[in-house]
Amino acid sequence: MGTSVNIVVAGLGGQGVLTCSDIIAQAAFIAGRDVKKAEVHGMSQRGGSVTSGVRIGDHVLSPMVPAGEADYLLLLEPGEADAVAHRLKPGGQRLSAEAIDPNALPTRKALNVAMAGMLSACLEIPETAWLAAVRACLPERLYEANEKAFQLGRAAMNREETPDV
């Protein structure tokens, strides 16, 4: 994974942006990486913008992903692309919910887990760590549906041929 990876997750309140970043951070932690996480809620309870940054590496000092330094930008709400585009570094990868077939999701609320699945195909973190993170961050009764969503996202990423999804 190199020295560090910076990830920004963006969406709207109620989409599970913070849960998605929790899963990412937990997967990295389970895999033995140093990880820091920061979030901005804004008017999230009313459907406003929500962003969360996750930094993963051997030794991470700050939880904030500086502007222009995100390696990955996960867009749970594609309409947020313009608001957070400045966070992505040149050559960084944008992953959009548009790559996920909403009809294939076991539930609409699982889109955030599908997006974590997309990201998992890009990072050197074992799939077992990702699935353990899904289990740790969500109620056990929701695990089976979210595991399916995770695999759907992972498969969607593996089908993509361009770096900008």
C-alpha atoms as a PDB file:
ATOM      1  CA  MET A   1       0.000   0.000   0.000  1.00  0.00           C
ATOM      2  CA  GLY A   2       3.006   2.311   0.120  1.00  0.00           C
ATOM      3  CA  THR A   3       3.610   4.828   2.883  1.00  0.00           C
ATOM      4  CA  SER A   4       0.116   6.287   3.138  1.00  0.00           C
ATOM      5  CA  VAL A   5      -3.265   6.313   1.423  1.00  0.00           C
ATOM      6  CA  ASN A   6      -5.735   9.180   1.740  1.00  0.00           C
ATOM      7  CA  ILE A   7      -9.443   8.543   1.189  1.00  0.00           C
ATOM      8  CA  VAL A   8     -12.357  10.984   1.163  1.00  0.00           C
ATOM      9  CA  VAL A   9     -15.926   9.684   1.341  1.00  0.00           C
ATOM     10  CA  ALA A  10     -18.616  12.188   0.313  1.00  0.00           C
ATOM     11  CA  GLY A  11     -22.383  12.067   0.202  1.00  0.00           C
ATOM     12  CA  LEU A  12     -25.527  13.349   1.857  1.00  0.00           C
ATOM     13  CA  GLY A  13     -26.869  12.928   5.363  1.00  0.00           C
ATOM     14  CA  GLY A  14     -28.561   9.562   5.737  1.00  0.00           C
ATOM     15  CA  GLN A  15     -26.514   7.795   3.061  1.00  0.00           C
ATOM     16  CA  GLY A  16     -24.111   6.175   5.501  1.00  0.00           C
ATOM     17  CA  VAL A  17     -20.994   8.207   4.717  1.00  0.00           C
ATOM     18  CA  LEU A  18     -19.731   7.880   8.290  1.00  0.00           C
ATOM     19  CA  THR A  19     -20.478   4.159   8.427  1.00  0.00           C
ATOM     20  CA  CYS A  20     -18.597   3.684   5.155  1.00  0.00           C
ATOM     21  CA  SER A  21     -15.563   5.494   6.553  1.00  0.00           C
ATOM     22  CA  ASP A  22     -15.868   3.476   9.792  1.00  0.00           C
ATOM     23  CA  ILE A  23     -15.699   0.252   7.758  1.00  0.00           C
ATOM     24  CA  ILE A  24     -12.666   1.503   5.823  1.00  0.00           C
ATOM     25  CA  ALA A  25     -10.865   2.543   9.009  1.00  0.00           C
ATOM     26  CA  GLN A  26     -11.756  -0.679  10.828  1.00  0.00           C
ATOM     27  CA  ALA A  27     -10.559  -2.851   7.900  1.00  0.00           C
ATOM     28  CA  ALA A  28      -7.216  -1.020   7.884  1.00  0.00           C
ATOM     29  CA  PHE A  29      -6.918  -1.378  11.668  1.00  0.00           C
ATOM     30  CA  ILE A  30      -7.689  -5.113  11.512  1.00  0.00           C
ATOM     31  CA  ALA A  31      -5.006  -5.428   8.818  1.00  0.00           C
ATOM     32  CA  GLY A  32      -2.483  -3.878  11.210  1.00  0.00           C
ATOM     33  CA  ARG A  33      -2.227  -0.424   9.629  1.00  0.00           C
ATOM     34  CA  ASP A  34      -2.152   2.881  11.451  1.00  0.00           C
ATOM     35  CA  VAL A  35      -5.347   4.741  10.638  1.00  0.00           C
ATOM     36  CA  LYS A  36      -6.880   8.112  11.450  1.00  0.00           C
ATOM     37  CA  LYS A  37     -10.365   9.371  10.570  1.00  0.00           C
ATOM     38  CA  ALA A  38     -12.039  12.792  10.517  1.00  0.00           C
ATOM     39  CA  GLU A  39     -15.532  13.881   9.503  1.00  0.00           C
ATOM     40  CA  VAL A  40     -17.560  16.960   8.683  1.00  0.00           C
ATOM     41  CA  HIS A  41     -21.295  16.674   9.312  1.00  0.00           C
ATOM     42  CA  GLY A  42     -22.676  20.050   8.231  1.00  0.00           C
ATOM     43  CA  MET A  43     -26.469  19.878   7.893  1.00  0.00           C
ATOM     44  CA  SER A  44     -26.270  16.096   7.606  1.00  0.00           C
ATOM     45  CA  GLN A  45     -29.486  15.396   9.491  1.00  0.00           C
ATOM     46  CA  ARG A  46     -31.382  17.299   6.811  1.00  0.00           C
ATOM     47  CA  GLY A  47     -29.764  15.650   3.811  1.00  0.00           C
ATOM     48  CA  GLY A  48     -26.867  18.105   3.650  1.00  0.00           C
ATOM     49  CA  SER A  49     -23.304  17.386   2.629  1.00  0.00           C
ATOM     50  CA  VAL A  50     -21.274  14.960   4.704  1.00  0.00           C
ATOM     51  CA  THR A  51     -17.608  14.158   4.163  1.00  0.00           C
ATOM     52  CA  SER A  52     -15.224  11.907   5.984  1.00  0.00           C
ATOM     53  CA  GLY A  53     -11.504  11.461   5.521  1.00  0.00           C
ATOM     54  CA  VAL A  54      -9.552   8.293   6.264  1.00  0.00           C
ATOM     55  CA  ARG A  55      -5.763   8.177   6.265  1.00  0.00           C
ATOM     56  CA  ILE A  56      -4.032   4.791   6.270  1.00  0.00           C
ATOM     57  CA  GLY A  57      -0.312   4.107   6.504  1.00  0.00           C
ATOM     58  CA  ASP A  58       2.579   2.865   8.554  1.00  0.00           C
ATOM     59  CA  HIS A  59       2.522   5.944  10.780  1.00  0.00           C
ATOM     60  CA  VAL A  60      -0.233   8.537  10.356  1.00  0.00           C
ATOM     61  CA  LEU A  61      -0.052  11.742  12.394  1.00  0.00           C
ATOM     62  CA  SER A  62      -3.109  13.730  11.303  1.00  0.00           C
ATOM     63  CA  PRO A  63      -6.676  12.601  10.572  1.00  0.00           C
ATOM     64  CA  MET A  64      -7.301  15.412   8.058  1.00  0.00           C
ATOM     65  CA  VAL A  65      -6.846  14.724   4.343  1.00  0.00           C
ATOM     66  CA  PRO A  66      -5.403  17.966   2.940  1.00  0.00           C
ATOM     67  CA  ALA A  67      -6.924  19.480  -0.204  1.00  0.00           C
ATOM     68  CA  GLY A  68      -5.397  17.959  -3.321  1.00  0.00           C
ATOM     69  CA  GLU A  69      -4.027  14.894  -1.517  1.00  0.00           C
ATOM     70  CA  ALA A  70      -6.829  12.297  -1.638  1.00  0.00           C
ATOM     71  CA  ASP A  71      -5.781   9.149  -3.459  1.00  0.00           C
ATOM     72  CA  TYR A  72      -9.411   7.997  -3.588  1.00  0.00           C
ATOM     73  CA  LEU A  73     -12.651   9.941  -3.630  1.00  0.00           C
ATOM     74  CA  LEU A  74     -15.754   7.848  -2.926  1.00  0.00           C
ATOM     75  CA  LEU A  75     -18.947   9.557  -4.041  1.00  0.00           C
ATOM     76  CA  LEU A  76     -22.052   8.067  -2.471  1.00  0.00           C
ATOM     77  CA  GLU A  77     -23.933  10.974  -4.044  1.00  0.00           C
ATOM     78  CA  PRO A  78     -22.526  11.797  -7.508  1.00  0.00           C
ATOM     79  CA  GLY A  79     -23.961  15.319  -7.195  1.00  0.00           C
ATOM     80  CA  GLU A  80     -21.340  16.039  -4.527  1.00  0.00           C
ATOM     81  CA  ALA A  81     -18.496  15.627  -7.071  1.00  0.00           C
ATOM     82  CA  ASP A  82     -18.022  19.352  -7.717  1.00  0.00           C
ATOM     83  CA  ALA A  83     -18.025  20.211  -4.012  1.00  0.00           C
ATOM     84  CA  VAL A  84     -15.200  17.791  -3.188  1.00  0.00           C
ATOM     85  CA  ALA A  85     -13.232  17.584  -6.460  1.00  0.00           C
ATOM     86  CA  HIS A  86     -10.510  19.834  -5.004  1.00  0.00           C
ATOM     87  CA  ARG A  87      -9.699  17.125  -2.445  1.00  0.00           C
ATOM     88  CA  LEU A  88      -8.542  14.598  -5.103  1.00  0.00           C
ATOM     89  CA  LYS A  89      -4.884  14.662  -6.050  1.00  0.00           C
ATOM     90  CA  PRO A  90      -3.773  14.609  -9.684  1.00  0.00           C
ATOM     91  CA  GLY A  91      -3.921  10.985 -10.768  1.00  0.00           C
ATOM     92  CA  GLY A  92      -6.230  10.091  -7.870  1.00  0.00           C
ATOM     93  CA  GLN A  93      -9.175   7.793  -8.443  1.00  0.00           C
ATOM     94  CA  ARG A  94     -12.819   8.780  -8.215  1.00  0.00           C
ATOM     95  CA  LEU A  95     -15.246   5.986  -7.349  1.00  0.00           C
ATOM     96  CA  SER A  96     -18.903   6.809  -7.900  1.00  0.00           C
ATOM     97  CA  ALA A  97     -22.124   5.156  -6.768  1.00  0.00           C
ATOM     98  CA  GLU A  98     -23.165   5.354 -10.420  1.00  0.00           C
ATOM     99  CA  ALA A  99     -21.073   2.204 -10.982  1.00  0.00           C
ATOM    100  CA  ILE A 100     -23.392   0.227  -8.666  1.00  0.00           C
ATOM    101  CA  ASP A 101     -26.698  -1.123  -9.985  1.00  0.00           C
ATOM    102  CA  PRO A 102     -29.168  -0.052  -7.284  1.00  0.00           C
ATOM    103  CA  ASN A 103     -31.549  -2.839  -8.309  1.00  0.00           C
ATOM    104  CA  ALA A 104     -28.886  -5.440  -7.512  1.00  0.00           C
ATOM    105  CA  LEU A 105     -28.396  -4.193  -3.943  1.00  0.00           C
ATOM    106  CA  PRO A 106     -30.085  -6.290  -1.256  1.00  0.00           C
ATOM    107  CA  THR A 107     -31.348  -2.989   0.214  1.00  0.00           C
ATOM    108  CA  ARG A 108     -30.872   0.655  -0.812  1.00  0.00           C
ATOM    109  CA  LYS A 109     -29.236   1.380   2.531  1.00  0.00           C
ATOM    110  CA  ALA A 110     -26.375  -0.974   1.628  1.00  0.00           C
ATOM    111  CA  LEU A 111     -24.956   1.376  -1.035  1.00  0.00           C
ATOM    112  CA  ASN A 112     -22.320   2.626   1.413  1.00  0.00           C
ATOM    113  CA  VAL A 113     -21.083  -0.933   1.998  1.00  0.00           C
ATOM    114  CA  ALA A 114     -21.026  -1.547  -1.769  1.00  0.00           C
ATOM    115  CA  MET A 115     -18.825   1.548  -2.101  1.00  0.00           C
ATOM    116  CA  ALA A 116     -16.477   0.147   0.551  1.00  0.00           C
ATOM    117  CA  GLY A 117     -16.412  -3.010  -1.564  1.00  0.00           C
ATOM    118  CA  MET A 118     -15.358  -0.969  -4.600  1.00  0.00           C
ATOM    119  CA  LEU A 119     -12.534   0.609  -2.632  1.00  0.00           C
ATOM    120  CA  SER A 120     -11.450  -2.783  -1.272  1.00  0.00           C
ATOM    121  CA  ALA A 121     -10.528  -3.863  -4.795  1.00  0.00           C
ATOM    122  CA  CYS A 122      -8.001  -0.979  -4.899  1.00  0.00           C
ATOM    123  CA  LEU A 123      -6.232  -1.391  -1.555  1.00  0.00           C
ATOM    124  CA  GLU A 124      -3.812  -3.984  -0.227  1.00  0.00           C
ATOM    125  CA  ILE A 125      -6.026  -4.987   2.676  1.00  0.00           C
ATOM    126  CA  PRO A 126      -7.158  -8.619   2.818  1.00  0.00           C
ATOM    127  CA  GLU A 127     -10.805  -9.280   2.011  1.00  0.00           C
ATOM    128  CA  THR A 128     -11.123 -11.074   5.348  1.00  0.00           C
ATOM    129  CA  ALA A 129     -10.250  -7.818   7.135  1.00  0.00           C
ATOM    130  CA  TRP A 130     -12.918  -5.969   5.139  1.00  0.00           C
ATOM    131  CA  LEU A 131     -15.593  -8.535   5.972  1.00  0.00           C
ATOM    132  CA  ALA A 132     -14.584  -8.511   9.636  1.00  0.00           C
ATOM    133  CA  ALA A 133     -14.931  -4.708   9.557  1.00  0.00           C
ATOM    134  CA  VAL A 134     -18.413  -4.948   8.032  1.00  0.00           C
ATOM    135  CA  ARG A 135     -19.357  -7.364  10.801  1.00  0.00           C
ATOM    136  CA  ALA A 136     -17.844  -5.104  13.483  1.00  0.00           C
ATOM    137  CA  CYS A 137     -19.479  -1.890  12.250  1.00  0.00           C
ATOM    138  CA  LEU A 138     -23.011  -3.119  11.589  1.00  0.00           C
ATOM    139  CA  PRO A 139     -25.574  -5.153  13.529  1.00  0.00           C
ATOM    140  CA  GLU A 140     -25.143  -8.904  13.054  1.00  0.00           C
ATOM    141  CA  ARG A 141     -28.688  -9.244  11.678  1.00  0.00           C
ATOM    142  CA  LEU A 142     -27.642  -7.049   8.726  1.00  0.00           C
ATOM    143  CA  TYR A 143     -24.393  -8.864   7.964  1.00  0.00           C
ATOM    144  CA  GLU A 144     -25.614 -11.204   5.215  1.00  0.00           C
ATOM    145  CA  ALA A 145     -27.224  -8.419   3.164  1.00  0.00           C
ATOM    146  CA  ASN A 146     -24.207  -6.160   3.630  1.00  0.00           C
ATOM    147  CA  GLU A 147     -21.772  -8.923   2.680  1.00  0.00           C
ATOM    148  CA  LYS A 148     -23.713  -9.259  -0.603  1.00  0.00           C
ATOM    149  CA  ALA A 149     -23.539  -5.489  -1.125  1.00  0.00           C
ATOM    150  CA  PHE A 150     -19.800  -5.518  -0.394  1.00  0.00           C
ATOM    151  CA  GLN A 151     -19.219  -8.263  -2.968  1.00  0.00           C
ATOM    152  CA  LEU A 152     -21.382  -6.407  -5.499  1.00  0.00           C
ATOM    153  CA  GLY A 153     -19.203  -3.309  -5.106  1.00  0.00           C
ATOM    154  CA  ARG A 154     -16.006  -5.317  -5.303  1.00  0.00           C
ATOM    155  CA  ALA A 155     -17.220  -6.994  -8.501  1.00  0.00           C
ATOM    156  CA  ALA A 156     -18.266  -3.626  -9.980  1.00  0.00           C
ATOM    157  CA  MET A 157     -14.776  -2.259  -9.427  1.00  0.00           C
ATOM    158  CA  ASN A 158     -13.155  -5.330 -10.917  1.00  0.00           C
ATOM    159  CA  ARG A 159     -15.266  -4.833 -14.087  1.00  0.00           C
ATOM    160  CA  GLU A 160     -14.212  -1.218 -14.530  1.00  0.00           C
ATOM    161  CA  GLU A 161     -11.540  -0.593 -17.132  1.00  0.00           C
ATOM    162  CA  THR A 162     -10.981   3.110 -16.579  1.00  0.00           C
ATOM    163  CA  PRO A 163      -9.366   4.676 -13.508  1.00  0.00           C
ATOM    164  CA  ASP A 164     -12.158   7.268 -13.182  1.00  0.00           C
ATOM    165  CA  VAL A 165     -15.362   5.438 -12.285  1.00  0.00           C
END
